[in-house]
Amino acid sequence: MAVLAKSEKDLSRNFSFSIKTESLGNVSVIHCAGRLCYQGAAQPLAEAAQGFMRAGNHLLLDFGLLDLLDSAGIGQLVLISMQARALDRGVCIACASERVRYLLELTNVASLFVFFDSVNEALEHCSSSAA
């Protein structure tokens, strides 16, 4: 039993996901960290993105510390893209790992976003596009 309890604890730690947000003018940056792997983890990202876009901001998703993405995370990104289009907002992704980028390309989701190698490069683009 003790081993099972330890595995459950390890499993929950493996699925941890967090966001940190900041706004720079009319661009909101959402720094994502951990594993965007199930609906519960994807919810804070969806809520933050929706709130920023409704407030009139464009989005920059910083995936520099994102380890893993599954179908729930991909679905959330599709919804964010759809909401952005409906609200006439832009969404950029910065610092996505090769693995995350490959998964987004494999599922045809990559075409919904503009990708950048750095947050600064993405901010420059988002700021000039928003102006």
N, C-alpha and C. Protein backbone atom coordinates (compact mmCIF):
# COMPACT_ATOMS: atom_id res chain seq x y z
N MET A 1 0.81 -1.20 0.00
CA MET A 1 0.00 0.00 0.00
C MET A 1 0.85 1.26 0.00
N ALA A 2 1.92 1.29 0.75
CA ALA A 2 2.76 2.48 0.82
C ALA A 2 3.35 2.81 -0.55
N VAL A 3 3.69 1.77 -1.31
CA VAL A 3 4.26 2.00 -2.64
C VAL A 3 3.22 2.64 -3.55
N LEU A 4 1.97 2.18 -3.47
CA LEU A 4 0.90 2.74 -4.28
C LEU A 4 0.69 4.22 -3.93
N ALA A 5 0.70 4.55 -2.65
CA ALA A 5 0.51 5.93 -2.23
C ALA A 5 1.64 6.80 -2.78
N LYS A 6 2.87 6.26 -2.77
CA LYS A 6 4.00 7.02 -3.30
C LYS A 6 3.83 7.23 -4.80
N SER A 7 3.39 6.22 -5.52
CA SER A 7 3.18 6.36 -6.97
C SER A 7 2.13 7.42 -7.27
N GLU A 8 1.04 7.42 -6.52
CA GLU A 8 0.00 8.42 -6.75
C GLU A 8 0.55 9.82 -6.55
N LYS A 9 1.37 9.98 -5.52
CA LYS A 9 1.96 11.29 -5.27
C LYS A 9 2.88 11.67 -6.42
N ASP A 10 3.71 10.74 -6.88
CA ASP A 10 4.60 11.02 -8.00
C ASP A 10 3.81 11.33 -9.25
N LEU A 11 2.71 10.61 -9.47
CA LEU A 11 1.89 10.84 -10.65
C LEU A 11 1.31 12.24 -10.64
N SER A 12 0.81 12.70 -9.51
CA SER A 12 0.23 14.04 -9.46
C SER A 12 1.30 15.11 -9.67
N ARG A 13 2.50 14.84 -9.19
CA ARG A 13 3.58 15.80 -9.39
C ARG A 13 3.96 15.85 -10.87
N ASN A 14 3.90 14.72 -11.57
CA ASN A 14 4.24 14.67 -12.98
C ASN A 14 3.27 15.47 -13.83
N PHE A 15 2.07 15.67 -13.34
CA PHE A 15 1.07 16.39 -14.12
C PHE A 15 0.91 17.84 -13.68
N SER A 16 1.85 18.37 -12.92
CA SER A 16 1.70 19.74 -12.44
C SER A 16 1.92 20.73 -13.59
N PHE A 17 1.12 21.77 -13.56
CA PHE A 17 1.19 22.82 -14.57
C PHE A 17 0.92 24.14 -13.87
N SER A 18 1.67 25.15 -14.24
CA SER A 18 1.44 26.46 -13.65
C SER A 18 1.65 27.55 -14.70
N ILE A 19 1.03 28.67 -14.42
CA ILE A 19 1.21 29.83 -15.29
C ILE A 19 1.60 31.03 -14.46
N LYS A 20 2.31 31.93 -15.09
CA LYS A 20 2.64 33.22 -14.51
C LYS A 20 2.32 34.23 -15.61
N THR A 21 1.67 35.32 -15.25
CA THR A 21 1.25 36.26 -16.28
C THR A 21 1.81 37.65 -16.05
N GLU A 22 1.93 38.37 -17.14
CA GLU A 22 2.31 39.79 -17.08
C GLU A 22 1.77 40.47 -18.33
N SER A 23 1.47 41.73 -18.21
CA SER A 23 0.98 42.50 -19.35
C SER A 23 1.96 43.61 -19.67
N LEU A 24 2.26 43.74 -20.95
CA LEU A 24 3.17 44.77 -21.43
C LEU A 24 2.44 45.52 -22.54
N GLY A 25 1.86 46.65 -22.17
CA GLY A 25 1.03 47.39 -23.12
C GLY A 25 -0.22 46.58 -23.44
N ASN A 26 -0.46 46.35 -24.72
CA ASN A 26 -1.64 45.58 -25.09
C ASN A 26 -1.30 44.13 -25.44
N VAL A 27 -0.16 43.64 -24.91
CA VAL A 27 0.23 42.25 -25.08
C VAL A 27 0.33 41.62 -23.70
N SER A 28 -0.38 40.52 -23.51
CA SER A 28 -0.28 39.78 -22.25
C SER A 28 0.55 38.53 -22.48
N VAL A 29 1.51 38.33 -21.59
CA VAL A 29 2.41 37.17 -21.68
C VAL A 29 1.97 36.16 -20.65
N ILE A 30 1.76 34.93 -21.09
CA ILE A 30 1.44 33.83 -20.18
C ILE A 30 2.61 32.86 -20.23
N HIS A 31 3.37 32.82 -19.14
CA HIS A 31 4.51 31.92 -19.02
C HIS A 31 3.99 30.58 -18.51
N CYS A 32 4.15 29.53 -19.30
CA CYS A 32 3.64 28.20 -18.95
C CYS A 32 4.78 27.31 -18.49
N ALA A 33 4.56 26.56 -17.42
CA ALA A 33 5.59 25.67 -16.90
C ALA A 33 4.97 24.32 -16.52
N GLY A 34 5.68 23.26 -16.79
CA GLY A 34 5.23 21.93 -16.40
C GLY A 34 4.60 21.16 -17.54
N ARG A 35 3.57 20.42 -17.19
CA ARG A 35 2.92 19.53 -18.15
C ARG A 35 1.47 19.93 -18.34
N LEU A 36 1.16 20.36 -19.53
CA LEU A 36 -0.21 20.74 -19.88
C LEU A 36 -0.87 19.48 -20.41
N CYS A 37 -1.35 18.66 -19.46
CA CYS A 37 -1.71 17.29 -19.82
C CYS A 37 -3.14 16.86 -19.59
N TYR A 38 -3.92 17.53 -18.87
CA TYR A 38 -5.30 17.10 -18.67
C TYR A 38 -6.17 18.32 -18.46
N GLN A 39 -7.46 18.13 -18.55
CA GLN A 39 -8.40 19.25 -18.54
C GLN A 39 -8.22 20.17 -17.34
N GLY A 40 -8.01 19.61 -16.17
CA GLY A 40 -7.85 20.43 -14.97
C GLY A 40 -6.65 21.34 -15.06
N ALA A 41 -5.57 20.86 -15.66
CA ALA A 41 -4.37 21.69 -15.81
C ALA A 41 -4.57 22.75 -16.88
N ALA A 42 -5.33 22.43 -17.89
CA ALA A 42 -5.54 23.35 -19.01
C ALA A 42 -6.46 24.51 -18.63
N GLN A 43 -7.27 24.34 -17.63
CA GLN A 43 -8.26 25.36 -17.25
C GLN A 43 -7.66 26.71 -16.88
N PRO A 44 -6.60 26.76 -16.04
CA PRO A 44 -6.04 28.09 -15.72
C PRO A 44 -5.51 28.82 -16.96
N LEU A 45 -4.95 28.09 -17.89
CA LEU A 45 -4.47 28.70 -19.13
C LEU A 45 -5.64 29.28 -19.91
N ALA A 46 -6.71 28.51 -20.04
CA ALA A 46 -7.89 28.97 -20.79
C ALA A 46 -8.50 30.21 -20.15
N GLU A 47 -8.64 30.20 -18.84
CA GLU A 47 -9.25 31.33 -18.14
C GLU A 47 -8.40 32.59 -18.27
N ALA A 48 -7.09 32.45 -18.10
CA ALA A 48 -6.21 33.61 -18.22
C ALA A 48 -6.23 34.17 -19.64
N ALA A 49 -6.12 33.28 -20.62
CA ALA A 49 -6.12 33.71 -22.02
C ALA A 49 -7.41 34.43 -22.37
N GLN A 50 -8.52 33.84 -21.98
CA GLN A 50 -9.82 34.44 -22.29
C GLN A 50 -9.97 35.82 -21.63
N GLY A 51 -9.56 35.93 -20.38
CA GLY A 51 -9.65 37.21 -19.68
C GLY A 51 -8.82 38.29 -20.34
N PHE A 52 -7.60 37.96 -20.72
CA PHE A 52 -6.73 38.94 -21.37
C PHE A 52 -7.29 39.36 -22.73
N MET A 53 -7.77 38.40 -23.49
CA MET A 53 -8.29 38.73 -24.82
C MET A 53 -9.56 39.58 -24.73
N ARG A 54 -10.42 39.25 -23.77
CA ARG A 54 -11.63 40.07 -23.59
C ARG A 54 -11.30 41.49 -23.16
N ALA A 55 -10.17 41.65 -22.48
CA ALA A 55 -9.73 42.98 -22.05
C ALA A 55 -9.08 43.76 -23.19
N GLY A 56 -8.95 43.12 -24.35
CA GLY A 56 -8.40 43.79 -25.52
C GLY A 56 -6.95 43.50 -25.81
N ASN A 57 -6.36 42.56 -25.10
CA ASN A 57 -4.94 42.27 -25.28
C ASN A 57 -4.70 41.13 -26.27
N HIS A 58 -3.55 41.20 -26.92
CA HIS A 58 -3.05 40.10 -27.72
C HIS A 58 -2.28 39.18 -26.77
N LEU A 59 -2.07 37.91 -27.18
CA LEU A 59 -1.43 36.94 -26.29
C LEU A 59 -0.08 36.50 -26.79
N LEU A 60 0.80 36.30 -25.85
CA LEU A 60 2.08 35.66 -26.09
C LEU A 60 2.18 34.51 -25.11
N LEU A 61 2.20 33.30 -25.64
CA LEU A 61 2.33 32.11 -24.81
C LEU A 61 3.80 31.71 -24.78
N ASP A 62 4.41 31.81 -23.61
CA ASP A 62 5.82 31.45 -23.43
C ASP A 62 5.87 29.99 -23.00
N PHE A 63 6.34 29.13 -23.91
CA PHE A 63 6.42 27.68 -23.64
C PHE A 63 7.83 27.25 -23.26
N GLY A 64 8.67 28.18 -22.85
CA GLY A 64 10.05 27.86 -22.50
C GLY A 64 10.20 26.81 -21.42
N LEU A 65 9.27 26.78 -20.48
CA LEU A 65 9.34 25.80 -19.39
C LEU A 65 8.25 24.74 -19.49
N LEU A 66 7.61 24.64 -20.66
CA LEU A 66 6.58 23.63 -20.87
C LEU A 66 7.26 22.32 -21.24
N ASP A 67 7.01 21.28 -20.44
CA ASP A 67 7.66 19.99 -20.66
C ASP A 67 6.89 19.08 -21.60
N LEU A 68 5.57 19.10 -21.49
CA LEU A 68 4.77 18.13 -22.22
C LEU A 68 3.39 18.69 -22.50
N LEU A 69 2.79 18.20 -23.56
CA LEU A 69 1.48 18.64 -24.00
C LEU A 69 0.72 17.40 -24.45
N ASP A 70 -0.54 17.26 -24.05
CA ASP A 70 -1.34 16.13 -24.53
C ASP A 70 -2.57 16.66 -25.27
N SER A 71 -3.50 15.77 -25.56
CA SER A 71 -4.67 16.16 -26.35
C SER A 71 -5.52 17.23 -25.67
N ALA A 72 -5.62 17.22 -24.35
CA ALA A 72 -6.38 18.26 -23.65
C ALA A 72 -5.69 19.61 -23.81
N GLY A 73 -4.38 19.64 -23.71
CA GLY A 73 -3.63 20.88 -23.91
C GLY A 73 -3.75 21.38 -25.33
N ILE A 74 -3.66 20.47 -26.28
CA ILE A 74 -3.80 20.84 -27.69
C ILE A 74 -5.20 21.38 -27.95
N GLY A 75 -6.20 20.72 -27.39
CA GLY A 75 -7.58 21.20 -27.53
C GLY A 75 -7.75 22.59 -26.96
N GLN A 76 -7.11 22.86 -25.84
CA GLN A 76 -7.20 24.18 -25.23
C GLN A 76 -6.54 25.23 -26.13
N LEU A 77 -5.42 24.87 -26.75
CA LEU A 77 -4.77 25.81 -27.67
C LEU A 77 -5.65 26.11 -28.88
N VAL A 78 -6.34 25.10 -29.38
CA VAL A 78 -7.27 25.32 -30.50
C VAL A 78 -8.38 26.27 -30.07
N LEU A 79 -8.94 26.06 -28.87
CA LEU A 79 -9.98 26.96 -28.37
C LEU A 79 -9.47 28.39 -28.20
N ILE A 80 -8.26 28.53 -27.69
CA ILE A 80 -7.68 29.86 -27.52
C ILE A 80 -7.54 30.53 -28.89
N SER A 81 -7.10 29.77 -29.88
CA SER A 81 -6.97 30.32 -31.23
C SER A 81 -8.32 30.74 -31.79
N MET A 82 -9.34 29.93 -31.59
CA MET A 82 -10.69 30.26 -32.07
C MET A 82 -11.22 31.52 -31.38
N GLN A 83 -11.02 31.62 -30.07
CA GLN A 83 -11.47 32.80 -29.33
C GLN A 83 -10.72 34.04 -29.80
N ALA A 84 -9.42 33.89 -30.05
CA ALA A 84 -8.62 35.03 -30.51
C ALA A 84 -9.13 35.53 -31.86
N ARG A 85 -9.43 34.63 -32.75
CA ARG A 85 -9.95 35.03 -34.06
C ARG A 85 -11.30 35.73 -33.92
N ALA A 86 -12.15 35.20 -33.05
CA ALA A 86 -13.47 35.80 -32.85
C ALA A 86 -13.36 37.21 -32.27
N LEU A 87 -12.34 37.44 -31.46
CA LEU A 87 -12.15 38.75 -30.82
C LEU A 87 -11.15 39.62 -31.57
N ASP A 88 -10.68 39.15 -32.71
CA ASP A 88 -9.68 39.85 -33.52
C ASP A 88 -8.41 40.13 -32.72
N ARG A 89 -7.91 39.11 -32.05
CA ARG A 89 -6.67 39.19 -31.27
C ARG A 89 -5.64 38.26 -31.89
N GLY A 90 -4.38 38.58 -31.67
CA GLY A 90 -3.29 37.73 -32.12
C GLY A 90 -2.77 36.85 -31.00
N VAL A 91 -2.26 35.67 -31.37
CA VAL A 91 -1.65 34.77 -30.39
C VAL A 91 -0.33 34.28 -30.97
N CYS A 92 0.74 34.50 -30.22
CA CYS A 92 2.07 34.03 -30.61
C CYS A 92 2.56 33.03 -29.58
N ILE A 93 3.42 32.12 -30.02
CA ILE A 93 4.04 31.16 -29.11
C ILE A 93 5.55 31.36 -29.18
N ALA A 94 6.17 31.48 -28.01
CA ALA A 94 7.62 31.64 -27.94
C ALA A 94 8.25 30.47 -27.20
N CYS A 95 9.45 30.12 -27.62
CA CYS A 95 10.31 29.17 -26.91
C CYS A 95 9.76 27.76 -26.81
N ALA A 96 8.95 27.33 -27.76
CA ALA A 96 8.44 25.96 -27.73
C ALA A 96 9.58 24.99 -28.03
N SER A 97 9.66 23.93 -27.26
CA SER A 97 10.69 22.92 -27.49
C SER A 97 10.43 22.20 -28.81
N GLU A 98 11.44 21.52 -29.30
CA GLU A 98 11.27 20.76 -30.55
C GLU A 98 10.15 19.73 -30.41
N ARG A 99 10.07 19.08 -29.26
CA ARG A 99 9.07 18.05 -29.03
C ARG A 99 7.65 18.64 -29.06
N VAL A 100 7.45 19.76 -28.38
CA VAL A 100 6.14 20.41 -28.36
C VAL A 100 5.79 20.92 -29.75
N ARG A 101 6.73 21.54 -30.40
CA ARG A 101 6.49 22.06 -31.75
C ARG A 101 6.16 20.93 -32.73
N TYR A 102 6.88 19.82 -32.63
CA TYR A 102 6.63 18.67 -33.49
C TYR A 102 5.21 18.14 -33.27
N LEU A 103 4.80 18.05 -32.02
CA LEU A 103 3.45 17.57 -31.71
C LEU A 103 2.39 18.50 -32.29
N LEU A 104 2.61 19.80 -32.18
CA LEU A 104 1.66 20.76 -32.74
C LEU A 104 1.63 20.68 -34.27
N GLU A 105 2.78 20.44 -34.88
CA GLU A 105 2.82 20.28 -36.34
C GLU A 105 2.14 18.98 -36.76
N LEU A 106 2.38 17.92 -36.02
CA LEU A 106 1.80 16.61 -36.32
C LEU A 106 0.28 16.64 -36.26
N THR A 107 -0.26 17.45 -35.36
CA THR A 107 -1.72 17.54 -35.20
C THR A 107 -2.32 18.70 -35.99
N ASN A 108 -1.53 19.33 -36.84
CA ASN A 108 -1.97 20.47 -37.67
C ASN A 108 -2.44 21.67 -36.86
N VAL A 109 -1.96 21.81 -35.65
CA VAL A 109 -2.32 22.94 -34.80
C VAL A 109 -1.29 24.06 -34.94
N ALA A 110 -0.07 23.72 -35.32
CA ALA A 110 0.99 24.72 -35.44
C ALA A 110 0.62 25.84 -36.40
N SER A 111 -0.16 25.52 -37.43
CA SER A 111 -0.52 26.53 -38.43
C SER A 111 -1.43 27.63 -37.86
N LEU A 112 -1.98 27.42 -36.67
CA LEU A 112 -2.86 28.41 -36.06
C LEU A 112 -2.08 29.52 -35.36
N PHE A 113 -0.77 29.33 -35.19
CA PHE A 113 0.02 30.26 -34.39
C PHE A 113 1.27 30.71 -35.14
N VAL A 114 1.83 31.82 -34.68
CA VAL A 114 3.13 32.29 -35.15
C VAL A 114 4.13 31.92 -34.05
N PHE A 115 5.24 31.29 -34.44
CA PHE A 115 6.24 30.82 -33.47
C PHE A 115 7.49 31.69 -33.50
N PHE A 116 8.08 31.87 -32.31
CA PHE A 116 9.31 32.64 -32.17
C PHE A 116 10.26 31.89 -31.25
N ASP A 117 11.55 32.14 -31.46
CA ASP A 117 12.57 31.46 -30.65
C ASP A 117 12.77 32.11 -29.29
N SER A 118 12.38 33.38 -29.16
CA SER A 118 12.56 34.07 -27.87
C SER A 118 11.33 34.90 -27.54
N VAL A 119 11.17 35.17 -26.27
CA VAL A 119 10.07 36.01 -25.81
C VAL A 119 10.24 37.43 -26.35
N ASN A 120 11.46 37.95 -26.33
CA ASN A 120 11.70 39.32 -26.82
C ASN A 120 11.35 39.46 -28.29
N GLU A 121 11.73 38.48 -29.10
CA GLU A 121 11.41 38.50 -30.53
C GLU A 121 9.89 38.48 -30.72
N ALA A 122 9.21 37.65 -29.96
CA ALA A 122 7.75 37.55 -30.06
C ALA A 122 7.09 38.86 -29.60
N LEU A 123 7.60 39.44 -28.53
CA LEU A 123 7.04 40.71 -28.05
C LEU A 123 7.19 41.81 -29.09
N GLU A 124 8.33 41.85 -29.75
CA GLU A 124 8.55 42.83 -30.80
C GLU A 124 7.50 42.68 -31.90
N HIS A 125 7.30 41.44 -32.32
CA HIS A 125 6.33 41.15 -33.38
C HIS A 125 4.90 41.49 -32.93
N CYS A 126 4.53 41.03 -31.75
CA CYS A 126 3.17 41.26 -31.24
C CYS A 126 2.90 42.75 -31.06
N SER A 127 3.87 43.46 -30.54
CA SER A 127 3.70 44.90 -30.33
C SER A 127 3.56 45.65 -31.64
N SER A 128 4.36 45.29 -32.63
CA SER A 128 4.28 46.00 -33.91
C SER A 128 3.03 45.60 -34.68
N SER A 129 2.57 44.35 -34.54
CA SER A 129 1.34 43.91 -35.21
C SER A 129 0.13 44.55 -34.57
N ALA A 130 0.19 44.78 -33.27
CA ALA A 130 -0.96 45.35 -32.54
C ALA A 130 -1.09 46.84 -32.77
N ALA A 131 0.01 47.46 -33.13
CA ALA A 131 -0.02 48.93 -33.30
C ALA A 131 -0.75 49.37 -34.54
